[in-house]
Amino acid sequence: MAKTFHLTIAKIGETLFEGEVVSLSLPGAEGVFEILAGHEPLISLLKKGEIRVKDVQGERFHFEIPQNGVAEVSSNQATILL
């Protein structure tokens, strides 16, 4: 079984996704990057684009970022604020 981490994707007043995931792909300010379990801590600005998520059941989710956002990764969890 693949290693997992906790992901929360939210915008003001609404949680778009919350749960355990295997991978996360984000449109960073300097290009697309991927987050896996155990990733080093980071904070990154996000640009307009698509968030791609693969959960523990192998289901894939896609979320559009209509404007800039921010990602924080630490302690085997990721939080995306849009």
PDB file of N, CA and C in Angstrom:
ATOM      1  N   MET A   1       0.829  -1.180   0.000  1.00  0.00           N
ATOM      2  CA  MET A   1       0.000   0.000   0.000  1.00  0.00           C
ATOM      3  C   MET A   1       0.880   1.252   0.000  1.00  0.00           C
ATOM      4  N   ALA A   2       0.496   2.238  -0.779  1.00  0.00           N
ATOM      5  CA  ALA A   2       1.266   3.472  -0.885  1.00  0.00           C
ATOM      6  C   ALA A   2       1.143   4.299   0.395  1.00  0.00           C
ATOM      7  N   LYS A   3       2.189   5.060   0.669  1.00  0.00           N
ATOM      8  CA  LYS A   3       2.147   5.969   1.814  1.00  0.00           C
ATOM      9  C   LYS A   3       1.189   7.112   1.502  1.00  0.00           C
ATOM     10  N   THR A   4       0.552   7.634   2.532  1.00  0.00           N
ATOM     11  CA  THR A   4      -0.456   8.678   2.346  1.00  0.00           C
ATOM     12  C   THR A   4      -0.145   9.892   3.214  1.00  0.00           C
ATOM     13  N   PHE A   5      -0.851  10.978   2.930  1.00  0.00           N
ATOM     14  CA  PHE A   5      -0.792  12.176   3.753  1.00  0.00           C
ATOM     15  C   PHE A   5      -2.156  12.840   3.730  1.00  0.00           C
ATOM     16  N   HIS A   6      -2.401  13.712   4.695  1.00  0.00           N
ATOM     17  CA  HIS A   6      -3.693  14.375   4.809  1.00  0.00           C
ATOM     18  C   HIS A   6      -3.687  15.651   3.969  1.00  0.00           C
ATOM     19  N   LEU A   7      -4.762  15.860   3.208  1.00  0.00           N
ATOM     20  CA  LEU A   7      -4.892  17.029   2.347  1.00  0.00           C
ATOM     21  C   LEU A   7      -6.183  17.771   2.655  1.00  0.00           C
ATOM     22  N   THR A   8      -6.070  19.095   2.736  1.00  0.00           N
ATOM     23  CA  THR A   8      -7.239  19.968   2.839  1.00  0.00           C
ATOM     24  C   THR A   8      -7.128  21.018   1.745  1.00  0.00           C
ATOM     25  N   ILE A   9      -8.181  21.146   0.940  1.00  0.00           N
ATOM     26  CA  ILE A   9      -8.265  22.204  -0.060  1.00  0.00           C
ATOM     27  C   ILE A   9      -9.471  23.051   0.326  1.00  0.00           C
ATOM     28  N   ALA A  10      -9.245  24.348   0.554  1.00  0.00           N
ATOM     29  CA  ALA A  10     -10.326  25.212   1.035  1.00  0.00           C
ATOM     30  C   ALA A  10     -10.258  26.597   0.410  1.00  0.00           C
ATOM     31  N   LYS A  11     -11.429  27.222   0.389  1.00  0.00           N
ATOM     32  CA  LYS A  11     -11.514  28.643   0.076  1.00  0.00           C
ATOM     33  C   LYS A  11     -12.410  29.256   1.133  1.00  0.00           C
ATOM     34  N   ILE A  12     -12.505  30.548   1.179  1.00  0.00           N
ATOM     35  CA  ILE A  12     -13.257  31.215   2.242  1.00  0.00           C
ATOM     36  C   ILE A  12     -14.668  30.637   2.336  1.00  0.00           C
ATOM     37  N   GLY A  13     -14.979  30.116   3.520  1.00  0.00           N
ATOM     38  CA  GLY A  13     -16.314  29.606   3.782  1.00  0.00           C
ATOM     39  C   GLY A  13     -16.640  28.235   3.222  1.00  0.00           C
ATOM     40  N   GLU A  14     -15.661  27.543   2.611  1.00  0.00           N
ATOM     41  CA  GLU A  14     -15.973  26.254   1.983  1.00  0.00           C
ATOM     42  C   GLU A  14     -14.747  25.342   1.940  1.00  0.00           C
ATOM     43  N   THR A  15     -14.939  24.086   2.338  1.00  0.00           N
ATOM     44  CA  THR A  15     -13.903  23.074   2.181  1.00  0.00           C
ATOM     45  C   THR A  15     -14.214  22.296   0.908  1.00  0.00           C
ATOM     46  N   LEU A  16     -13.291  22.310  -0.044  1.00  0.00           N
ATOM     47  CA  LEU A  16     -13.497  21.634  -1.326  1.00  0.00           C
ATOM     48  C   LEU A  16     -13.111  20.158  -1.273  1.00  0.00           C
ATOM     49  N   PHE A  17     -12.096  19.830  -0.449  1.00  0.00           N
ATOM     50  CA  PHE A  17     -11.642  18.443  -0.327  1.00  0.00           C
ATOM     51  C   PHE A  17     -10.945  18.299   1.012  1.00  0.00           C
ATOM     52  N   GLU A  18     -11.176  17.171   1.670  1.00  0.00           N
ATOM     53  CA  GLU A  18     -10.436  16.837   2.883  1.00  0.00           C
ATOM     54  C   GLU A  18     -10.357  15.328   2.984  1.00  0.00           C
ATOM     55  N   GLY A  19      -9.136  14.814   3.124  1.00  0.00           N
ATOM     56  CA  GLY A  19      -8.970  13.381   3.258  1.00  0.00           C
ATOM     57  C   GLY A  19      -7.540  12.935   3.040  1.00  0.00           C
ATOM     58  N   GLU A  20      -7.343  11.616   3.103  1.00  0.00           N
ATOM     59  CA  GLU A  20      -6.037  11.016   2.896  1.00  0.00           C
ATOM     60  C   GLU A  20      -5.788  10.826   1.403  1.00  0.00           C
ATOM     61  N   VAL A  21      -4.600  11.207   0.948  1.00  0.00           N
ATOM     62  CA  VAL A  21      -4.260  11.098  -0.471  1.00  0.00           C
ATOM     63  C   VAL A  21      -2.875  10.476  -0.642  1.00  0.00           C
ATOM     64  N   VAL A  22      -2.624  10.025  -1.871  1.00  0.00           N
ATOM     65  CA  VAL A  22      -1.339   9.432  -2.227  1.00  0.00           C
ATOM     66  C   VAL A  22      -0.445  10.464  -2.912  1.00  0.00           C
ATOM     67  N   SER A  23      -1.047  11.312  -3.765  1.00  0.00           N
ATOM     68  CA  SER A  23      -0.256  12.321  -4.466  1.00  0.00           C
ATOM     69  C   SER A  23      -1.077  13.569  -4.738  1.00  0.00           C
ATOM     70  N   LEU A  24      -0.347  14.657  -4.957  1.00  0.00           N
ATOM     71  CA  LEU A  24      -0.933  15.971  -5.184  1.00  0.00           C
ATOM     72  C   LEU A  24      -0.046  16.717  -6.167  1.00  0.00           C
ATOM     73  N   SER A  25      -0.630  17.217  -7.241  1.00  0.00           N
ATOM     74  CA  SER A  25       0.103  17.991  -8.234  1.00  0.00           C
ATOM     75  C   SER A  25      -0.444  19.411  -8.229  1.00  0.00           C
ATOM     76  N   LEU A  26       0.466  20.393  -8.151  1.00  0.00           N
ATOM     77  CA  LEU A  26       0.066  21.787  -7.996  1.00  0.00           C
ATOM     78  C   LEU A  26       0.757  22.691  -9.013  1.00  0.00           C
ATOM     79  N   PRO A  27       0.045  23.729  -9.499  1.00  0.00           N
ATOM     80  CA  PRO A  27       0.653  24.706 -10.406  1.00  0.00           C
ATOM     81  C   PRO A  27       1.358  25.807  -9.603  1.00  0.00           C
ATOM     82  N   GLY A  28       2.615  25.593  -9.295  1.00  0.00           N
ATOM     83  CA  GLY A  28       3.368  26.569  -8.518  1.00  0.00           C
ATOM     84  C   GLY A  28       3.740  27.786  -9.341  1.00  0.00           C
ATOM     85  N   ALA A  29       4.163  28.826  -8.667  1.00  0.00           N
ATOM     86  CA  ALA A  29       4.556  30.063  -9.326  1.00  0.00           C
ATOM     87  C   ALA A  29       5.703  29.838 -10.309  1.00  0.00           C
ATOM     88  N   GLU A  30       6.523  28.808 -10.072  1.00  0.00           N
ATOM     89  CA  GLU A  30       7.664  28.535 -10.939  1.00  0.00           C
ATOM     90  C   GLU A  30       7.499  27.248 -11.738  1.00  0.00           C
ATOM     91  N   GLY A  31       6.288  26.699 -11.776  1.00  0.00           N
ATOM     92  CA  GLY A  31       6.023  25.478 -12.530  1.00  0.00           C
ATOM     93  C   GLY A  31       5.268  24.456 -11.706  1.00  0.00           C
ATOM     94  N   VAL A  32       4.808  23.414 -12.360  1.00  0.00           N
ATOM     95  CA  VAL A  32       4.032  22.358 -11.705  1.00  0.00           C
ATOM     96  C   VAL A  32       4.967  21.517 -10.834  1.00  0.00           C
ATOM     97  N   PHE A  33       4.493  21.176  -9.627  1.00  0.00           N
ATOM     98  CA  PHE A  33       5.276  20.298  -8.760  1.00  0.00           C
ATOM     99  C   PHE A  33       4.359  19.296  -8.080  1.00  0.00           C
ATOM    100  N   GLU A  34       4.965  18.197  -7.596  1.00  0.00           N
ATOM    101  CA  GLU A  34       4.194  17.111  -7.002  1.00  0.00           C
ATOM    102  C   GLU A  34       4.569  16.919  -5.546  1.00  0.00           C
ATOM    103  N   ILE A  35       3.560  16.624  -4.729  1.00  0.00           N
ATOM    104  CA  ILE A  35       3.741  16.351  -3.304  1.00  0.00           C
ATOM    105  C   ILE A  35       3.391  14.889  -3.056  1.00  0.00           C
ATOM    106  N   LEU A  36       4.266  14.187  -2.339  1.00  0.00           N
ATOM    107  CA  LEU A  36       4.039  12.809  -1.918  1.00  0.00           C
ATOM    108  C   LEU A  36       4.194  12.742  -0.401  1.00  0.00           C
ATOM    109  N   ALA A  37       3.804  11.641   0.201  1.00  0.00           N
ATOM    110  CA  ALA A  37       3.934  11.460   1.652  1.00  0.00           C
ATOM    111  C   ALA A  37       5.381  11.676   2.071  1.00  0.00           C
ATOM    112  N   GLY A  38       5.569  12.348   3.203  1.00  0.00           N
ATOM    113  CA  GLY A  38       6.899  12.580   3.743  1.00  0.00           C
ATOM    114  C   GLY A  38       7.641  13.746   3.097  1.00  0.00           C
ATOM    115  N   HIS A  39       6.958  14.532   2.281  1.00  0.00           N
ATOM    116  CA  HIS A  39       7.604  15.666   1.603  1.00  0.00           C
ATOM    117  C   HIS A  39       8.165  16.646   2.632  1.00  0.00           C
ATOM    118  N   GLU A  40       9.275  17.263   2.288  1.00  0.00           N
ATOM    119  CA  GLU A  40       9.867  18.287   3.142  1.00  0.00           C
ATOM    120  C   GLU A  40       8.898  19.452   3.317  1.00  0.00           C
ATOM    121  N   PRO A  41       8.915  20.137   4.449  1.00  0.00           N
ATOM    122  CA  PRO A  41       8.041  21.293   4.649  1.00  0.00           C
ATOM    123  C   PRO A  41       8.301  22.375   3.597  1.00  0.00           C
ATOM    124  N   LEU A  42       7.222  23.014   3.157  1.00  0.00           N
ATOM    125  CA  LEU A  42       7.357  24.120   2.208  1.00  0.00           C
ATOM    126  C   LEU A  42       6.108  24.973   2.226  1.00  0.00           C
ATOM    127  N   ILE A  43       6.281  26.195   1.759  1.00  0.00           N
ATOM    128  CA  ILE A  43       5.165  27.100   1.482  1.00  0.00           C
ATOM    129  C   ILE A  43       5.410  27.616   0.078  1.00  0.00           C
ATOM    130  N   SER A  44       4.377  27.578  -0.762  1.00  0.00           N
ATOM    131  CA  SER A  44       4.531  28.010  -2.148  1.00  0.00           C
ATOM    132  C   SER A  44       3.306  28.780  -2.610  1.00  0.00           C
ATOM    133  N   LEU A  45       3.543  29.805  -3.395  1.00  0.00           N
ATOM    134  CA  LEU A  45       2.448  30.489  -4.063  1.00  0.00           C
ATOM    135  C   LEU A  45       1.977  29.626  -5.221  1.00  0.00           C
ATOM    136  N   LEU A  46       0.689  29.640  -5.480  1.00  0.00           N
ATOM    137  CA  LEU A  46       0.119  28.888  -6.590  1.00  0.00           C
ATOM    138  C   LEU A  46      -0.418  29.876  -7.616  1.00  0.00           C
ATOM    139  N   LYS A  47      -0.345  29.481  -8.873  1.00  0.00           N
ATOM    140  CA  LYS A  47      -0.897  30.328  -9.928  1.00  0.00           C
ATOM    141  C   LYS A  47      -2.144  29.667 -10.504  1.00  0.00           C
ATOM    142  N   LYS A  48      -2.841  30.390 -11.334  1.00  0.00           N
ATOM    143  CA  LYS A  48      -4.032  29.866 -11.993  1.00  0.00           C
ATOM    144  C   LYS A  48      -3.677  28.563 -12.701  1.00  0.00           C
ATOM    145  N   GLY A  49      -4.522  27.549 -12.545  1.00  0.00           N
ATOM    146  CA  GLY A  49      -4.255  26.258 -13.159  1.00  0.00           C
ATOM    147  C   GLY A  49      -5.095  25.162 -12.528  1.00  0.00           C
ATOM    148  N   GLU A  50      -4.558  23.940 -12.549  1.00  0.00           N
ATOM    149  CA  GLU A  50      -5.319  22.781 -12.085  1.00  0.00           C
ATOM    150  C   GLU A  50      -4.584  22.042 -10.977  1.00  0.00           C
ATOM    151  N   ILE A  51      -5.319  21.704  -9.927  1.00  0.00           N
ATOM    152  CA  ILE A  51      -4.828  20.842  -8.860  1.00  0.00           C
ATOM    153  C   ILE A  51      -5.264  19.425  -9.208  1.00  0.00           C
ATOM    154  N   ARG A  52      -4.346  18.479  -9.121  1.00  0.00           N
ATOM    155  CA  ARG A  52      -4.678  17.074  -9.379  1.00  0.00           C
ATOM    156  C   ARG A  52      -4.377  16.265  -8.125  1.00  0.00           C
ATOM    157  N   VAL A  53      -5.356  15.466  -7.719  1.00  0.00           N
ATOM    158  CA  VAL A  53      -5.266  14.690  -6.484  1.00  0.00           C
ATOM    159  C   VAL A  53      -5.549  13.230  -6.791  1.00  0.00           C
ATOM    160  N   LYS A  54      -4.771  12.328  -6.178  1.00  0.00           N
ATOM    161  CA  LYS A  54      -5.055  10.891  -6.251  1.00  0.00           C
ATOM    162  C   LYS A  54      -5.247  10.416  -4.814  1.00  0.00           C
ATOM    163  N   ASP A  55      -6.459   9.893  -4.517  1.00  0.00           N
ATOM    164  CA  ASP A  55      -6.735   9.470  -3.144  1.00  0.00           C
ATOM    165  C   ASP A  55      -6.315   8.026  -2.912  1.00  0.00           C
ATOM    166  N   VAL A  56      -6.549   7.532  -1.697  1.00  0.00           N
ATOM    167  CA  VAL A  56      -6.082   6.200  -1.312  1.00  0.00           C
ATOM    168  C   VAL A  56      -6.794   5.073  -2.052  1.00  0.00           C
ATOM    169  N   GLN A  57      -7.977   5.333  -2.600  1.00  0.00           N
ATOM    170  CA  GLN A  57      -8.691   4.318  -3.383  1.00  0.00           C
ATOM    171  C   GLN A  57      -8.297   4.365  -4.862  1.00  0.00           C
ATOM    172  N   GLY A  58      -7.405   5.291  -5.216  1.00  0.00           N
ATOM    173  CA  GLY A  58      -6.978   5.419  -6.608  1.00  0.00           C
ATOM    174  C   GLY A  58      -7.849   6.352  -7.421  1.00  0.00           C
ATOM    175  N   GLU A  59      -8.857   6.944  -6.785  1.00  0.00           N
ATOM    176  CA  GLU A  59      -9.727   7.886  -7.486  1.00  0.00           C
ATOM    177  C   GLU A  59      -8.989   9.204  -7.677  1.00  0.00           C
ATOM    178  N   ARG A  60      -9.204   9.812  -8.837  1.00  0.00           N
ATOM    179  CA  ARG A  60      -8.533  11.076  -9.163  1.00  0.00           C
ATOM    180  C   ARG A  60      -9.536  12.227  -9.135  1.00  0.00           C
ATOM    181  N   PHE A  61      -9.092  13.346  -8.581  1.00  0.00           N
ATOM    182  CA  PHE A  61      -9.901  14.555  -8.483  1.00  0.00           C
ATOM    183  C   PHE A  61      -9.142  15.707  -9.129  1.00  0.00           C
ATOM    184  N   HIS A  62      -9.883  16.630  -9.724  1.00  0.00           N
ATOM    185  CA  HIS A  62      -9.298  17.811 -10.350  1.00  0.00           C
ATOM    186  C   HIS A  62     -10.037  19.038  -9.842  1.00  0.00           C
ATOM    187  N   PHE A  63      -9.272  20.064  -9.485  1.00  0.00           N
ATOM    188  CA  PHE A  63      -9.835  21.321  -9.013  1.00  0.00           C
ATOM    189  C   PHE A  63      -9.170  22.455  -9.777  1.00  0.00           C
ATOM    190  N   GLU A  64      -9.957  23.376 -10.274  1.00  0.00           N
ATOM    191  CA  GLU A  64      -9.423  24.538 -10.973  1.00  0.00           C
ATOM    192  C   GLU A  64      -9.068  25.626  -9.971  1.00  0.00           C
ATOM    193  N   ILE A  65      -7.936  26.276 -10.202  1.00  0.00           N
ATOM    194  CA  ILE A  65      -7.565  27.454  -9.434  1.00  0.00           C
ATOM    195  C   ILE A  65      -7.835  28.650 -10.338  1.00  0.00           C
ATOM    196  N   PRO A  66      -8.912  29.401 -10.070  1.00  0.00           N
ATOM    197  CA  PRO A  66      -9.255  30.530 -10.935  1.00  0.00           C
ATOM    198  C   PRO A  66      -8.360  31.743 -10.722  1.00  0.00           C
ATOM    199  N   GLN A  67      -7.678  31.785  -9.579  1.00  0.00           N
ATOM    200  CA  GLN A  67      -6.771  32.884  -9.261  1.00  0.00           C
ATOM    201  C   GLN A  67      -5.650  32.320  -8.397  1.00  0.00           C
ATOM    202  N   ASN A  68      -4.789  33.152  -7.910  1.00  0.00           N
ATOM    203  CA  ASN A  68      -3.663  32.689  -7.105  1.00  0.00           C
ATOM    204  C   ASN A  68      -4.125  32.045  -5.805  1.00  0.00           C
ATOM    205  N   GLY A  69      -3.270  31.207  -5.260  1.00  0.00           N
ATOM    206  CA  GLY A  69      -3.527  30.557  -3.989  1.00  0.00           C
ATOM    207  C   GLY A  69      -2.209  30.322  -3.275  1.00  0.00           C
ATOM    208  N   VAL A  70      -2.259  29.564  -2.193  1.00  0.00           N
ATOM    209  CA  VAL A  70      -1.050  29.249  -1.442  1.00  0.00           C
ATOM    210  C   VAL A  70      -1.139  27.802  -0.967  1.00  0.00           C
ATOM    211  N   ALA A  71       0.019  27.138  -0.933  1.00  0.00           N
ATOM    212  CA  ALA A  71       0.112  25.758  -0.445  1.00  0.00           C
ATOM    213  C   ALA A  71       1.093  25.704   0.712  1.00  0.00           C
ATOM    214  N   GLU A  72       0.725  24.968   1.749  1.00  0.00           N
ATOM    215  CA  GLU A  72       1.627  24.716   2.867  1.00  0.00           C
ATOM    216  C   GLU A  72       1.705  23.215   3.074  1.00  0.00           C
ATOM    217  N   VAL A  73       2.929  22.702   3.200  1.00  0.00           N
ATOM    218  CA  VAL A  73       3.160  21.288   3.449  1.00  0.00           C
ATOM    219  C   VAL A  73       4.042  21.173   4.682  1.00  0.00           C
ATOM    220  N   SER A  74       3.592  20.391   5.679  1.00  0.00           N
ATOM    221  CA  SER A  74       4.400  20.125   6.870  1.00  0.00           C
ATOM    222  C   SER A  74       3.774  18.983   7.644  1.00  0.00           C
ATOM    223  N   SER A  75       4.599  18.249   8.364  1.00  0.00           N
ATOM    224  CA  SER A  75       4.137  17.171   9.246  1.00  0.00           C
ATOM    225  C   SER A  75       3.194  16.202   8.541  1.00  0.00           C
ATOM    226  N   ASN A  76       3.548  15.808   7.310  1.00  0.00           N
ATOM    227  CA  ASN A  76       2.795  14.840   6.514  1.00  0.00           C
ATOM    228  C   ASN A  76       1.341  15.267   6.271  1.00  0.00           C
ATOM    229  N   GLN A  77       1.160  16.569   6.072  1.00  0.00           N
ATOM    230  CA  GLN A  77      -0.147  17.088   5.672  1.00  0.00           C
ATOM    231  C   GLN A  77       0.056  18.284   4.757  1.00  0.00           C
ATOM    232  N   ALA A  78      -0.918  18.525   3.906  1.00  0.00           N
ATOM    233  CA  ALA A  78      -0.861  19.660   2.984  1.00  0.00           C
ATOM    234  C   ALA A  78      -2.170  20.439   3.092  1.00  0.00           C
ATOM    235  N   THR A  79      -2.040  21.768   3.065  1.00  0.00           N
ATOM    236  CA  THR A  79      -3.202  22.648   3.090  1.00  0.00           C
ATOM    237  C   THR A  79      -3.099  23.588   1.912  1.00  0.00           C
ATOM    238  N   ILE A  80      -4.152  23.625   1.110  1.00  0.00           N
ATOM    239  CA  ILE A  80      -4.221  24.502  -0.054  1.00  0.00           C
ATOM    240  C   ILE A  80      -5.322  25.524   0.216  1.00  0.00           C
ATOM    241  N   LEU A  81      -4.963  26.807   0.151  1.00  0.00           N
ATOM    242  CA  LEU A  81      -5.925  27.885   0.348  1.00  0.00           C
ATOM    243  C   LEU A  81      -6.099  28.619  -0.970  1.00  0.00           C
ATOM    244  N   LEU A  82      -7.338  28.691  -1.425  1.00  0.00           N
ATOM    245  CA  LEU A  82      -7.637  29.347  -2.694  1.00  0.00           C
ATOM    246  C   LEU A  82      -8.373  30.645  -2.470  1.00  0.00           C
TER     247      LEU A  82
END
